[in-house]
Amino acid sequence: MEENINMKKFVIVGLASIVYVFVLCKSSAIKFSYPPNIDESKKKEFVDFFKKGYKLYGLNCAKCHGDKYSSTDGGNQFTEGQIRNYAVNIKIRNETHKFTREMTKDDIDAICVFLKYRQQ
């Protein structure tokens, strides 16, 4: 009898934990907008690329720019011009950040897409 009660408690706690983790993950999902005029068939590809940029930002950029995406001028997000200039500077001269020398141009594009299309 006591084992049966313990098993029920275990199941209830386990289910509650699963629901909690699901809600936590769902609420922390990063929001984004699609580029204008994106073809329906390209949306999944865009989402995958956006997620790649999000991950790379977290691994490489967040330690300095934080989760508030602070730009060098103290703004709370990068402007479209700053994102474009950053991508061009890295791809042409690669002088902006030391770690970017080891990144592919595709990785840099993914970070820039994430910064451009994320929503606050």
N, C-alpha and C. Protein backbone atom coordinates (compact mmCIF):
# COMPACT_ATOMS: atom_id res chain seq x y z
N MET A 1 0.82 -1.19 0.00
CA MET A 1 0.00 0.00 0.00
C MET A 1 0.87 1.27 0.00
N GLU A 2 1.87 1.28 0.89
CA GLU A 2 2.76 2.44 0.97
C GLU A 2 3.55 2.62 -0.33
N GLU A 3 3.96 1.50 -0.95
CA GLU A 3 4.68 1.58 -2.22
C GLU A 3 3.80 2.19 -3.30
N ASN A 4 2.52 1.86 -3.28
CA ASN A 4 1.57 2.39 -4.25
C ASN A 4 1.44 3.92 -4.11
N ILE A 5 1.38 4.40 -2.89
CA ILE A 5 1.29 5.85 -2.63
C ILE A 5 2.58 6.54 -3.07
N ASN A 6 3.73 5.93 -2.76
CA ASN A 6 5.01 6.51 -3.19
C ASN A 6 5.11 6.56 -4.71
N MET A 7 4.61 5.53 -5.38
CA MET A 7 4.64 5.49 -6.84
C MET A 7 3.76 6.60 -7.41
N LYS A 8 2.59 6.83 -6.83
CA LYS A 8 1.70 7.90 -7.29
C LYS A 8 2.37 9.26 -7.10
N LYS A 9 3.02 9.46 -5.96
CA LYS A 9 3.73 10.72 -5.71
C LYS A 9 4.83 10.91 -6.74
N PHE A 10 5.56 9.84 -7.01
CA PHE A 10 6.64 9.90 -7.98
C PHE A 10 6.12 10.29 -9.36
N VAL A 11 5.01 9.69 -9.78
CA VAL A 11 4.42 9.98 -11.09
C VAL A 11 3.93 11.43 -11.14
N ILE A 12 3.27 11.87 -10.08
CA ILE A 12 2.74 13.24 -10.05
C ILE A 12 3.89 14.26 -10.09
N VAL A 13 4.92 14.05 -9.30
CA VAL A 13 6.06 14.97 -9.29
C VAL A 13 6.75 14.95 -10.66
N GLY A 14 6.88 13.76 -11.25
CA GLY A 14 7.50 13.65 -12.57
C GLY A 14 6.72 14.39 -13.63
N LEU A 15 5.40 14.22 -13.65
CA LEU A 15 4.57 14.92 -14.62
C LEU A 15 4.60 16.43 -14.41
N ALA A 16 4.56 16.84 -13.15
CA ALA A 16 4.63 18.28 -12.86
C ALA A 16 5.95 18.86 -13.33
N SER A 17 7.04 18.13 -13.16
CA SER A 17 8.35 18.59 -13.62
C SER A 17 8.39 18.73 -15.13
N ILE A 18 7.82 17.77 -15.84
CA ILE A 18 7.78 17.82 -17.30
C ILE A 18 6.99 19.03 -17.77
N VAL A 19 5.84 19.26 -17.16
CA VAL A 19 5.01 20.42 -17.53
C VAL A 19 5.77 21.71 -17.25
N TYR A 20 6.43 21.79 -16.11
CA TYR A 20 7.19 22.99 -15.75
C TYR A 20 8.29 23.28 -16.77
N VAL A 21 9.05 22.25 -17.13
CA VAL A 21 10.13 22.43 -18.11
C VAL A 21 9.56 22.84 -19.46
N PHE A 22 8.46 22.24 -19.86
CA PHE A 22 7.84 22.59 -21.14
C PHE A 22 7.41 24.06 -21.15
N VAL A 23 6.76 24.50 -20.10
CA VAL A 23 6.31 25.89 -20.01
C VAL A 23 7.49 26.83 -19.97
N LEU A 24 8.52 26.48 -19.22
CA LEU A 24 9.72 27.31 -19.12
C LEU A 24 10.38 27.46 -20.48
N CYS A 25 10.53 26.36 -21.21
CA CYS A 25 11.15 26.41 -22.54
C CYS A 25 10.30 27.19 -23.51
N LYS A 26 9.01 27.00 -23.46
CA LYS A 26 8.11 27.68 -24.39
C LYS A 26 8.12 29.18 -24.14
N SER A 27 8.14 29.59 -22.88
CA SER A 27 8.09 31.01 -22.57
C SER A 27 9.41 31.71 -22.88
N SER A 28 10.51 30.95 -22.90
CA SER A 28 11.80 31.58 -23.16
C SER A 28 12.18 31.50 -24.64
N ALA A 29 11.28 31.01 -25.47
CA ALA A 29 11.57 30.94 -26.90
C ALA A 29 11.77 32.34 -27.45
N ILE A 30 12.81 32.47 -28.23
CA ILE A 30 13.12 33.78 -28.80
C ILE A 30 12.14 34.09 -29.92
N LYS A 31 11.64 35.30 -29.94
CA LYS A 31 10.66 35.70 -30.95
C LYS A 31 11.38 36.39 -32.10
N PHE A 32 10.82 36.24 -33.28
CA PHE A 32 11.43 36.82 -34.46
C PHE A 32 10.36 37.20 -35.47
N SER A 33 10.77 37.96 -36.45
CA SER A 33 9.89 38.27 -37.58
C SER A 33 10.55 37.71 -38.83
N TYR A 34 9.73 37.35 -39.79
CA TYR A 34 10.26 36.88 -41.07
C TYR A 34 10.66 38.07 -41.92
N PRO A 35 11.64 37.88 -42.79
CA PRO A 35 11.97 38.94 -43.74
C PRO A 35 10.75 39.23 -44.63
N PRO A 36 10.60 40.44 -45.08
CA PRO A 36 9.45 40.75 -45.94
C PRO A 36 9.52 39.93 -47.23
N ASN A 37 8.37 39.54 -47.70
CA ASN A 37 8.24 38.80 -48.96
C ASN A 37 8.97 37.46 -48.99
N ILE A 38 9.16 36.82 -47.84
CA ILE A 38 9.81 35.51 -47.83
C ILE A 38 8.85 34.48 -48.41
N ASP A 39 9.38 33.62 -49.24
CA ASP A 39 8.59 32.55 -49.84
C ASP A 39 8.24 31.53 -48.77
N GLU A 40 7.04 31.04 -48.79
CA GLU A 40 6.57 30.07 -47.79
C GLU A 40 7.50 28.86 -47.69
N SER A 41 8.03 28.42 -48.82
CA SER A 41 8.90 27.24 -48.84
C SER A 41 10.26 27.50 -48.18
N LYS A 42 10.61 28.76 -47.96
CA LYS A 42 11.90 29.12 -47.36
C LYS A 42 11.80 29.40 -45.86
N LYS A 43 10.60 29.37 -45.29
CA LYS A 43 10.43 29.75 -43.89
C LYS A 43 11.15 28.80 -42.93
N LYS A 44 11.08 27.50 -43.16
CA LYS A 44 11.77 26.56 -42.27
C LYS A 44 13.28 26.77 -42.34
N GLU A 45 13.79 26.96 -43.53
CA GLU A 45 15.22 27.22 -43.71
C GLU A 45 15.63 28.49 -42.96
N PHE A 46 14.78 29.53 -43.04
CA PHE A 46 15.06 30.78 -42.33
C PHE A 46 15.09 30.54 -40.82
N VAL A 47 14.09 29.81 -40.30
CA VAL A 47 14.02 29.55 -38.86
C VAL A 47 15.26 28.79 -38.39
N ASP A 48 15.69 27.79 -39.15
CA ASP A 48 16.89 27.04 -38.79
C ASP A 48 18.13 27.94 -38.78
N PHE A 49 18.24 28.82 -39.76
CA PHE A 49 19.37 29.75 -39.85
C PHE A 49 19.32 30.74 -38.69
N PHE A 50 18.13 31.23 -38.38
CA PHE A 50 17.93 32.16 -37.26
C PHE A 50 18.37 31.50 -35.95
N LYS A 51 17.95 30.25 -35.74
CA LYS A 51 18.32 29.52 -34.52
C LYS A 51 19.83 29.30 -34.44
N LYS A 52 20.45 29.05 -35.58
CA LYS A 52 21.90 28.91 -35.62
C LYS A 52 22.56 30.22 -35.17
N GLY A 53 22.05 31.36 -35.67
CA GLY A 53 22.58 32.65 -35.26
C GLY A 53 22.40 32.92 -33.78
N TYR A 54 21.25 32.52 -33.26
CA TYR A 54 20.95 32.68 -31.83
C TYR A 54 21.96 31.89 -31.00
N LYS A 55 22.21 30.66 -31.41
CA LYS A 55 23.16 29.82 -30.69
C LYS A 55 24.58 30.40 -30.76
N LEU A 56 24.98 30.81 -31.96
CA LEU A 56 26.33 31.37 -32.12
C LEU A 56 26.49 32.67 -31.35
N TYR A 57 25.44 33.50 -31.33
CA TYR A 57 25.49 34.73 -30.54
C TYR A 57 25.72 34.38 -29.07
N GLY A 58 24.97 33.42 -28.58
CA GLY A 58 25.12 33.02 -27.18
C GLY A 58 26.51 32.51 -26.84
N LEU A 59 27.09 31.77 -27.77
CA LEU A 59 28.42 31.20 -27.54
C LEU A 59 29.55 32.21 -27.70
N ASN A 60 29.36 33.20 -28.57
CA ASN A 60 30.47 34.07 -28.93
C ASN A 60 30.30 35.54 -28.57
N CYS A 61 29.10 36.04 -28.57
CA CYS A 61 28.88 37.49 -28.46
C CYS A 61 28.31 37.92 -27.11
N ALA A 62 27.51 37.04 -26.51
CA ALA A 62 26.75 37.41 -25.32
C ALA A 62 27.64 37.79 -24.13
N LYS A 63 28.84 37.23 -24.07
CA LYS A 63 29.69 37.54 -22.92
C LYS A 63 30.06 39.03 -22.86
N CYS A 64 30.08 39.70 -24.02
CA CYS A 64 30.35 41.15 -24.03
C CYS A 64 29.09 41.98 -24.25
N HIS A 65 28.22 41.51 -25.12
CA HIS A 65 27.02 42.28 -25.48
C HIS A 65 25.79 41.89 -24.67
N GLY A 66 25.86 40.79 -23.95
CA GLY A 66 24.79 40.37 -23.05
C GLY A 66 23.52 39.92 -23.74
N ASP A 67 22.55 39.55 -22.92
CA ASP A 67 21.28 39.09 -23.46
C ASP A 67 20.36 40.25 -23.83
N LYS A 68 20.83 41.47 -23.59
CA LYS A 68 20.08 42.66 -24.01
C LYS A 68 20.59 43.19 -25.34
N TYR A 69 21.60 42.51 -25.90
CA TYR A 69 22.12 42.84 -27.22
C TYR A 69 22.60 44.29 -27.28
N SER A 70 23.39 44.69 -26.30
CA SER A 70 23.87 46.07 -26.22
C SER A 70 24.87 46.36 -27.33
N SER A 71 24.63 47.43 -28.02
CA SER A 71 25.57 47.86 -29.05
C SER A 71 26.65 48.72 -28.43
N THR A 72 27.67 49.02 -29.20
CA THR A 72 28.81 49.78 -28.66
C THR A 72 28.43 51.20 -28.29
N ASP A 73 27.35 51.73 -28.86
CA ASP A 73 26.95 53.09 -28.52
C ASP A 73 26.00 53.12 -27.31
N GLY A 74 25.83 51.97 -26.67
CA GLY A 74 25.02 51.91 -25.46
C GLY A 74 23.55 51.67 -25.71
N GLY A 75 23.15 51.52 -26.96
CA GLY A 75 21.75 51.24 -27.26
C GLY A 75 21.35 49.85 -26.79
N ASN A 76 20.06 49.63 -26.73
CA ASN A 76 19.61 48.33 -26.24
C ASN A 76 19.45 47.31 -27.36
N GLN A 77 19.76 47.70 -28.56
CA GLN A 77 19.80 46.73 -29.65
C GLN A 77 20.62 47.32 -30.78
N PHE A 78 21.12 46.46 -31.63
CA PHE A 78 21.91 46.93 -32.76
C PHE A 78 20.97 47.47 -33.82
N THR A 79 21.39 48.54 -34.48
CA THR A 79 20.60 49.07 -35.59
C THR A 79 20.90 48.24 -36.83
N GLU A 80 20.04 48.35 -37.82
CA GLU A 80 20.26 47.62 -39.07
C GLU A 80 21.59 48.04 -39.70
N GLY A 81 21.90 49.33 -39.63
CA GLY A 81 23.17 49.81 -40.17
C GLY A 81 24.37 49.22 -39.45
N GLN A 82 24.31 49.13 -38.13
CA GLN A 82 25.41 48.53 -37.36
C GLN A 82 25.59 47.06 -37.73
N ILE A 83 24.50 46.35 -37.89
CA ILE A 83 24.58 44.94 -38.26
C ILE A 83 25.22 44.79 -39.63
N ARG A 84 24.77 45.59 -40.58
CA ARG A 84 25.31 45.52 -41.95
C ARG A 84 26.81 45.88 -41.95
N ASN A 85 27.19 46.94 -41.26
CA ASN A 85 28.59 47.34 -41.20
C ASN A 85 29.46 46.27 -40.54
N TYR A 86 28.94 45.68 -39.50
CA TYR A 86 29.66 44.63 -38.79
C TYR A 86 29.93 43.46 -39.73
N ALA A 87 28.91 43.02 -40.45
CA ALA A 87 29.06 41.89 -41.37
C ALA A 87 30.07 42.21 -42.46
N VAL A 88 30.01 43.41 -43.01
CA VAL A 88 30.93 43.80 -44.08
C VAL A 88 32.36 43.87 -43.54
N ASN A 89 32.56 44.50 -42.40
CA ASN A 89 33.90 44.62 -41.82
C ASN A 89 34.52 43.25 -41.54
N ILE A 90 33.74 42.35 -41.01
CA ILE A 90 34.28 41.02 -40.70
C ILE A 90 34.61 40.27 -41.98
N LYS A 91 33.72 40.31 -42.94
CA LYS A 91 33.93 39.55 -44.16
C LYS A 91 35.10 40.08 -44.99
N ILE A 92 35.32 41.37 -44.97
CA ILE A 92 36.37 41.96 -45.80
C ILE A 92 37.71 41.97 -45.06
N ARG A 93 37.74 42.53 -43.86
CA ARG A 93 39.00 42.70 -43.15
C ARG A 93 39.14 41.80 -41.94
N ASN A 94 38.05 41.36 -41.40
CA ASN A 94 38.03 40.50 -40.21
C ASN A 94 38.85 41.08 -39.06
N GLU A 95 38.64 42.36 -38.77
CA GLU A 95 39.39 43.04 -37.71
C GLU A 95 38.56 43.29 -36.46
N THR A 96 37.27 43.06 -36.52
CA THR A 96 36.40 43.48 -35.43
C THR A 96 36.60 42.67 -34.15
N HIS A 97 36.53 41.37 -34.25
CA HIS A 97 36.66 40.51 -33.08
C HIS A 97 37.60 39.35 -33.42
N LYS A 98 38.47 39.02 -32.50
CA LYS A 98 39.46 37.96 -32.73
C LYS A 98 38.79 36.61 -33.03
N PHE A 99 37.75 36.26 -32.29
CA PHE A 99 37.12 34.95 -32.47
C PHE A 99 36.49 34.77 -33.85
N THR A 100 36.16 35.87 -34.52
CA THR A 100 35.51 35.73 -35.82
C THR A 100 36.46 35.21 -36.90
N ARG A 101 37.75 35.28 -36.65
CA ARG A 101 38.71 34.74 -37.63
C ARG A 101 38.54 33.24 -37.81
N GLU A 102 37.96 32.59 -36.82
CA GLU A 102 37.76 31.15 -36.87
C GLU A 102 36.34 30.77 -37.30
N MET A 103 35.52 31.77 -37.59
CA MET A 103 34.13 31.51 -37.99
C MET A 103 34.01 31.57 -39.51
N THR A 104 33.05 30.83 -40.03
CA THR A 104 32.78 30.90 -41.46
C THR A 104 31.93 32.14 -41.74
N LYS A 105 31.91 32.56 -42.98
CA LYS A 105 31.06 33.68 -43.38
C LYS A 105 29.59 33.33 -43.14
N ASP A 106 29.24 32.07 -43.30
CA ASP A 106 27.88 31.61 -43.04
C ASP A 106 27.52 31.79 -41.56
N ASP A 107 28.47 31.50 -40.66
CA ASP A 107 28.23 31.70 -39.23
C ASP A 107 27.99 33.18 -38.92
N ILE A 108 28.79 34.03 -39.52
CA ILE A 108 28.65 35.47 -39.30
C ILE A 108 27.30 35.95 -39.84
N ASP A 109 26.92 35.45 -41.02
CA ASP A 109 25.61 35.80 -41.57
C ASP A 109 24.49 35.36 -40.64
N ALA A 110 24.63 34.17 -40.06
CA ALA A 110 23.59 33.66 -39.15
C ALA A 110 23.44 34.58 -37.94
N ILE A 111 24.54 35.03 -37.37
CA ILE A 111 24.48 35.96 -36.23
C ILE A 111 23.79 37.26 -36.65
N CYS A 112 24.14 37.76 -37.82
CA CYS A 112 23.55 39.02 -38.29
C CYS A 112 22.06 38.86 -38.57
N VAL A 113 21.66 37.72 -39.11
CA VAL A 113 20.23 37.46 -39.34
C VAL A 113 19.50 37.40 -38.00
N PHE A 114 20.10 36.73 -37.03
CA PHE A 114 19.49 36.68 -35.70
C PHE A 114 19.30 38.08 -35.13
N LEU A 115 20.34 38.91 -35.20
CA LEU A 115 20.25 40.26 -34.64
C LEU A 115 19.23 41.12 -35.37
N LYS A 116 19.14 40.95 -36.67
CA LYS A 116 18.24 41.78 -37.48
C LYS A 116 16.78 41.42 -37.27
N TYR A 117 16.46 40.12 -37.17
CA TYR A 117 15.06 39.70 -37.18
C TYR A 117 14.50 39.28 -35.82
N ARG A 118 15.33 39.33 -34.78
CA ARG A 118 14.80 39.01 -33.45
C ARG A 118 13.86 40.10 -33.00
N GLN A 119 12.95 39.74 -32.14
CA GLN A 119 12.03 40.74 -31.57
C GLN A 119 12.26 40.80 -30.09
N GLN A 120 12.09 41.99 -29.56
CA GLN A 120 12.31 42.18 -28.11
C GLN A 120 11.14 41.65 -27.32
